[in-house]
């Protein structure tokens, strides 16, 4: 088959206002931000995330750009649009995915 398969874990988001006993805390792995971050890691799995940039515009919108490891460019370049679309469908956040610049030890830049 020539189709890519993405496996994403089923994670639970616990609200701040969820009823619980006073001595119980909400685990950090169950808040909205952490669940979205780990979902993004699942989606881009063969590659590693090297950076994240959040830009807030004057009208209140957030533009999120994710930078992947440049060593993974060959295997991941054709999947970037699909990964961005999958993340938008799962979290309703629009992101841009690009590759970071290579370090001096990683060789010359190809783009």
N, C-alpha and C. Protein backbone atom coordinates (compact mmCIF):
# COMPACT_ATOMS: atom_id res chain seq x y z
N UNK A 1 0.84 -1.18 0.00
CA UNK A 1 0.00 0.00 0.00
C UNK A 1 0.88 1.24 0.00
N UNK A 2 0.40 2.29 -0.62
CA UNK A 2 1.18 3.52 -0.69
C UNK A 2 0.63 4.58 0.26
N UNK A 3 -0.34 4.26 1.09
CA UNK A 3 -0.93 5.22 2.00
C UNK A 3 -0.17 5.21 3.32
N UNK A 4 -0.06 6.37 3.91
CA UNK A 4 0.57 6.47 5.23
C UNK A 4 -0.47 6.23 6.31
N UNK A 5 -0.04 5.64 7.40
CA UNK A 5 -0.92 5.37 8.53
C UNK A 5 -0.41 6.16 9.73
N UNK A 6 -1.30 6.86 10.40
CA UNK A 6 -0.94 7.63 11.58
C UNK A 6 -1.66 7.01 12.78
N UNK A 7 -0.89 6.68 13.81
CA UNK A 7 -1.46 6.11 15.03
C UNK A 7 -1.36 7.17 16.12
N UNK A 8 -2.51 7.51 16.68
CA UNK A 8 -2.57 8.52 17.74
C UNK A 8 -3.25 7.89 18.95
N UNK A 9 -2.65 8.06 20.11
CA UNK A 9 -3.21 7.49 21.33
C UNK A 9 -4.47 8.24 21.75
N UNK A 10 -5.36 7.54 22.41
CA UNK A 10 -6.58 8.14 22.93
C UNK A 10 -6.29 8.70 24.32
N UNK A 11 -6.28 10.01 24.45
CA UNK A 11 -5.94 10.66 25.72
C UNK A 11 -7.15 11.38 26.27
N UNK A 12 -7.22 11.47 27.59
CA UNK A 12 -8.34 12.08 28.28
C UNK A 12 -7.96 13.48 28.73
N UNK A 13 -8.83 14.45 28.47
CA UNK A 13 -8.64 15.81 28.93
C UNK A 13 -9.57 16.02 30.13
N UNK A 14 -9.00 16.43 31.24
CA UNK A 14 -9.79 16.67 32.45
C UNK A 14 -9.89 18.18 32.63
N UNK A 15 -11.09 18.66 32.77
CA UNK A 15 -11.34 20.09 32.92
C UNK A 15 -10.86 20.61 34.28
N UNK A 16 -10.55 21.90 34.32
CA UNK A 16 -10.19 22.52 35.61
C UNK A 16 -11.37 22.47 36.57
N UNK A 17 -12.55 22.54 36.01
CA UNK A 17 -13.76 22.63 36.83
C UNK A 17 -14.38 21.26 37.12
N UNK A 18 -13.69 20.19 36.79
CA UNK A 18 -14.23 18.85 37.05
C UNK A 18 -14.36 18.63 38.55
N UNK A 19 -15.43 17.97 38.95
CA UNK A 19 -15.66 17.73 40.37
C UNK A 19 -14.71 16.65 40.86
N UNK A 20 -14.01 16.94 41.91
CA UNK A 20 -13.09 15.98 42.51
C UNK A 20 -12.92 16.35 43.98
N UNK A 21 -12.30 15.46 44.70
CA UNK A 21 -12.06 15.70 46.12
C UNK A 21 -11.01 16.79 46.28
N UNK A 22 -11.05 17.52 47.35
CA UNK A 22 -10.13 18.64 47.56
C UNK A 22 -8.67 18.21 47.62
N UNK A 23 -8.42 16.98 48.05
CA UNK A 23 -7.03 16.53 48.16
C UNK A 23 -6.48 15.99 46.83
N UNK A 24 -7.33 15.86 45.82
CA UNK A 24 -6.89 15.33 44.54
C UNK A 24 -6.49 16.47 43.60
N UNK A 25 -5.42 16.26 42.86
CA UNK A 25 -4.96 17.23 41.88
C UNK A 25 -5.21 16.66 40.48
N UNK A 26 -5.37 17.54 39.53
CA UNK A 26 -5.47 17.09 38.14
C UNK A 26 -4.07 16.78 37.63
N UNK A 27 -3.83 15.59 37.08
CA UNK A 27 -2.49 15.27 36.58
C UNK A 27 -2.11 16.21 35.43
N UNK A 28 -0.83 16.56 35.36
CA UNK A 28 -0.38 17.46 34.30
C UNK A 28 -0.52 16.83 32.92
N UNK A 29 -0.52 15.52 32.86
CA UNK A 29 -0.66 14.85 31.57
C UNK A 29 -2.09 14.89 31.05
N UNK A 30 -3.03 15.40 31.84
CA UNK A 30 -4.44 15.41 31.43
C UNK A 30 -4.97 16.80 31.13
N UNK A 31 -4.12 17.84 31.15
CA UNK A 31 -4.65 19.16 30.81
C UNK A 31 -4.65 19.33 29.29
N UNK A 32 -5.38 20.31 28.80
CA UNK A 32 -5.59 20.49 27.37
C UNK A 32 -4.29 20.73 26.61
N UNK A 33 -3.42 21.56 27.14
CA UNK A 33 -2.18 21.90 26.46
C UNK A 33 -1.28 20.69 26.31
N UNK A 34 -1.15 19.90 27.35
CA UNK A 34 -0.29 18.73 27.32
C UNK A 34 -0.84 17.65 26.39
N UNK A 35 -2.14 17.48 26.36
CA UNK A 35 -2.75 16.49 25.48
C UNK A 35 -2.53 16.89 24.02
N UNK A 36 -2.66 18.18 23.71
CA UNK A 36 -2.44 18.63 22.34
C UNK A 36 -0.97 18.50 21.95
N UNK A 37 -0.05 18.75 22.88
CA UNK A 37 1.38 18.61 22.59
C UNK A 37 1.76 17.16 22.32
N UNK A 38 1.23 16.24 23.11
CA UNK A 38 1.56 14.84 22.90
C UNK A 38 0.87 14.28 21.65
N UNK A 39 -0.30 14.82 21.31
CA UNK A 39 -0.95 14.44 20.06
C UNK A 39 -0.11 14.86 18.87
N UNK A 40 0.46 16.05 18.94
CA UNK A 40 1.34 16.52 17.86
C UNK A 40 2.57 15.64 17.74
N UNK A 41 3.15 15.22 18.87
CA UNK A 41 4.30 14.32 18.83
C UNK A 41 3.93 12.98 18.19
N UNK A 42 2.71 12.49 18.47
CA UNK A 42 2.26 11.24 17.86
C UNK A 42 2.12 11.38 16.35
N UNK A 43 1.61 12.51 15.90
CA UNK A 43 1.35 12.71 14.48
C UNK A 43 2.65 12.78 13.68
N UNK A 44 3.65 13.47 14.21
CA UNK A 44 4.91 13.64 13.46
C UNK A 44 5.94 12.59 13.87
N UNK A 45 5.49 11.44 14.37
CA UNK A 45 6.35 10.49 15.07
C UNK A 45 7.71 10.16 14.45
N UNK A 46 7.86 9.74 13.22
CA UNK A 46 9.22 9.37 12.83
C UNK A 46 10.20 10.53 12.94
N UNK A 47 9.71 11.74 12.82
CA UNK A 47 10.57 12.92 12.97
C UNK A 47 10.49 13.42 14.41
N UNK A 48 11.44 14.26 14.78
CA UNK A 48 11.42 14.86 16.11
C UNK A 48 11.17 16.36 15.99
N UNK A 49 10.44 16.90 16.93
CA UNK A 49 10.16 18.33 16.95
C UNK A 49 11.36 19.04 17.57
N UNK A 50 11.95 19.98 16.82
CA UNK A 50 13.11 20.71 17.34
C UNK A 50 12.74 22.10 17.82
N UNK A 51 11.59 22.61 17.43
CA UNK A 51 11.21 23.95 17.88
C UNK A 51 9.75 24.22 17.63
N UNK A 52 9.23 25.22 18.35
CA UNK A 52 7.84 25.62 18.21
C UNK A 52 7.78 27.14 18.35
N UNK A 53 7.06 27.79 17.46
CA UNK A 53 6.95 29.24 17.47
C UNK A 53 5.47 29.62 17.47
N UNK A 54 5.05 30.43 18.42
CA UNK A 54 3.67 30.89 18.49
C UNK A 54 3.65 32.39 18.27
N UNK A 55 2.93 32.83 17.27
CA UNK A 55 2.82 34.26 16.97
C UNK A 55 1.38 34.68 17.20
N UNK A 56 1.19 35.71 18.01
CA UNK A 56 -0.14 36.24 18.28
C UNK A 56 -0.33 37.50 17.45
N UNK A 57 -1.37 37.53 16.64
CA UNK A 57 -1.64 38.70 15.82
C UNK A 57 -2.44 39.72 16.62
N UNK A 58 -2.59 40.91 16.06
CA UNK A 58 -3.30 41.97 16.77
C UNK A 58 -4.79 41.68 16.93
N UNK A 59 -5.35 40.88 16.04
CA UNK A 59 -6.77 40.55 16.16
C UNK A 59 -7.03 39.36 17.07
N UNK A 60 -5.99 38.85 17.74
CA UNK A 60 -6.16 37.80 18.74
C UNK A 60 -5.96 36.39 18.24
N UNK A 61 -5.67 36.21 16.97
CA UNK A 61 -5.45 34.86 16.45
C UNK A 61 -4.03 34.41 16.75
N UNK A 62 -3.87 33.10 16.91
CA UNK A 62 -2.55 32.53 17.16
C UNK A 62 -2.12 31.73 15.95
N UNK A 63 -0.89 31.96 15.51
CA UNK A 63 -0.31 31.20 14.42
C UNK A 63 0.81 30.35 15.02
N UNK A 64 0.67 29.05 14.92
CA UNK A 64 1.65 28.14 15.50
C UNK A 64 2.47 27.52 14.38
N UNK A 65 3.78 27.56 14.52
CA UNK A 65 4.67 26.95 13.53
C UNK A 65 5.55 25.94 14.24
N UNK A 66 5.61 24.73 13.71
CA UNK A 66 6.38 23.65 14.29
C UNK A 66 7.59 23.40 13.39
N UNK A 67 8.76 23.24 14.01
CA UNK A 67 9.98 22.95 13.26
C UNK A 67 10.43 21.52 13.54
N UNK A 68 10.64 20.77 12.47
CA UNK A 68 11.08 19.39 12.58
C UNK A 68 12.58 19.29 12.32
N UNK A 69 13.15 18.16 12.71
CA UNK A 69 14.58 17.91 12.52
C UNK A 69 14.91 17.86 11.03
N UNK A 70 15.92 18.62 10.57
CA UNK A 70 16.24 18.63 9.14
C UNK A 70 16.79 17.30 8.63
N UNK A 71 17.25 16.43 9.50
CA UNK A 71 17.75 15.13 9.07
C UNK A 71 16.61 14.22 8.59
N UNK A 72 15.39 14.54 8.98
CA UNK A 72 14.23 13.74 8.59
C UNK A 72 13.51 14.31 7.36
N UNK A 73 14.11 15.27 6.69
CA UNK A 73 13.45 15.96 5.59
C UNK A 73 13.03 15.01 4.46
N UNK A 74 13.90 14.08 4.10
CA UNK A 74 13.61 13.21 2.95
C UNK A 74 12.39 12.33 3.18
N UNK A 75 12.25 11.79 4.40
CA UNK A 75 11.11 10.91 4.63
C UNK A 75 9.84 11.65 4.97
N UNK A 76 9.93 12.89 5.45
CA UNK A 76 8.75 13.57 5.95
C UNK A 76 8.21 14.68 5.05
N UNK A 77 8.96 15.07 4.04
CA UNK A 77 8.57 16.25 3.25
C UNK A 77 7.21 16.09 2.57
N UNK A 78 6.92 14.91 2.05
CA UNK A 78 5.66 14.73 1.34
C UNK A 78 4.47 14.54 2.29
N UNK A 79 4.73 14.41 3.57
CA UNK A 79 3.66 14.18 4.55
C UNK A 79 3.27 15.43 5.32
N UNK A 80 3.93 16.55 5.08
CA UNK A 80 3.71 17.75 5.90
C UNK A 80 2.27 18.24 5.83
N UNK A 81 1.71 18.33 4.63
CA UNK A 81 0.34 18.82 4.50
C UNK A 81 -0.66 17.89 5.19
N UNK A 82 -0.44 16.60 5.08
CA UNK A 82 -1.33 15.63 5.72
C UNK A 82 -1.25 15.74 7.25
N UNK A 83 -0.03 15.91 7.78
CA UNK A 83 0.13 16.02 9.23
C UNK A 83 -0.55 17.28 9.75
N UNK A 84 -0.43 18.38 9.03
CA UNK A 84 -1.07 19.62 9.44
C UNK A 84 -2.59 19.48 9.43
N UNK A 85 -3.12 18.82 8.42
CA UNK A 85 -4.56 18.62 8.31
C UNK A 85 -5.07 17.69 9.41
N UNK A 86 -4.34 16.63 9.71
CA UNK A 86 -4.73 15.70 10.78
C UNK A 86 -4.77 16.41 12.13
N UNK A 87 -3.75 17.22 12.41
CA UNK A 87 -3.71 17.95 13.68
C UNK A 87 -4.88 18.93 13.78
N UNK A 88 -5.22 19.57 12.68
CA UNK A 88 -6.35 20.51 12.67
C UNK A 88 -7.66 19.78 12.93
N UNK A 89 -7.82 18.60 12.34
CA UNK A 89 -9.05 17.83 12.55
C UNK A 89 -9.19 17.35 14.00
N UNK A 90 -8.06 16.98 14.62
CA UNK A 90 -8.12 16.45 15.98
C UNK A 90 -8.24 17.54 17.04
N UNK A 91 -7.61 18.70 16.82
CA UNK A 91 -7.55 19.71 17.87
C UNK A 91 -8.18 21.04 17.50
N UNK A 92 -8.59 21.23 16.28
CA UNK A 92 -9.14 22.47 15.72
C UNK A 92 -8.13 23.62 15.76
N UNK A 93 -6.84 23.33 15.84
CA UNK A 93 -5.80 24.35 15.78
C UNK A 93 -5.07 24.23 14.45
N UNK A 94 -4.92 25.33 13.74
CA UNK A 94 -4.20 25.32 12.47
C UNK A 94 -2.72 25.57 12.76
N UNK A 95 -1.86 24.72 12.20
CA UNK A 95 -0.43 24.87 12.43
C UNK A 95 0.30 24.84 11.09
N UNK A 96 1.49 25.39 11.10
CA UNK A 96 2.39 25.29 9.96
C UNK A 96 3.57 24.41 10.36
N UNK A 97 3.98 23.54 9.47
CA UNK A 97 5.09 22.64 9.78
C UNK A 97 6.20 22.92 8.78
N UNK A 98 7.41 23.09 9.30
CA UNK A 98 8.58 23.36 8.47
C UNK A 98 9.78 22.64 9.08
N UNK A 99 10.89 22.68 8.40
CA UNK A 99 12.11 22.06 8.90
C UNK A 99 13.06 23.15 9.39
N UNK A 100 13.69 22.91 10.53
CA UNK A 100 14.63 23.89 11.06
C UNK A 100 15.93 23.84 10.27
N UNK A 101 16.75 24.87 10.44
CA UNK A 101 18.04 24.89 9.75
C UNK A 101 18.97 23.89 10.40
N UNK A 102 19.80 23.22 9.60
CA UNK A 102 20.73 22.23 10.20
C UNK A 102 21.84 22.93 10.98
N UNK A 103 22.33 22.24 12.00
CA UNK A 103 23.46 22.74 12.79
C UNK A 103 24.75 22.57 11.99
N UNK A 104 25.83 23.15 12.47
CA UNK A 104 27.12 23.04 11.78
C UNK A 104 27.56 21.59 11.64
N UNK A 105 27.28 20.76 12.62
CA UNK A 105 27.71 19.36 12.59
C UNK A 105 26.85 18.50 11.66
N UNK A 106 25.71 19.03 11.20
CA UNK A 106 24.81 18.24 10.37
C UNK A 106 25.06 18.44 8.88
N UNK A 107 26.02 19.25 8.51
CA UNK A 107 26.35 19.41 7.11
C UNK A 107 25.74 20.66 6.50
N UNK A 108 25.95 20.90 5.21
CA UNK A 108 25.46 22.11 4.55
C UNK A 108 23.96 22.08 4.38
N UNK A 109 23.39 23.26 4.35
CA UNK A 109 21.95 23.39 4.17
C UNK A 109 21.57 23.17 2.72
N UNK A 110 20.48 22.42 2.51
CA UNK A 110 20.05 22.15 1.14
C UNK A 110 18.94 23.09 0.70
N UNK A 111 18.46 23.96 1.57
CA UNK A 111 17.35 24.81 1.16
C UNK A 111 17.36 26.02 1.88
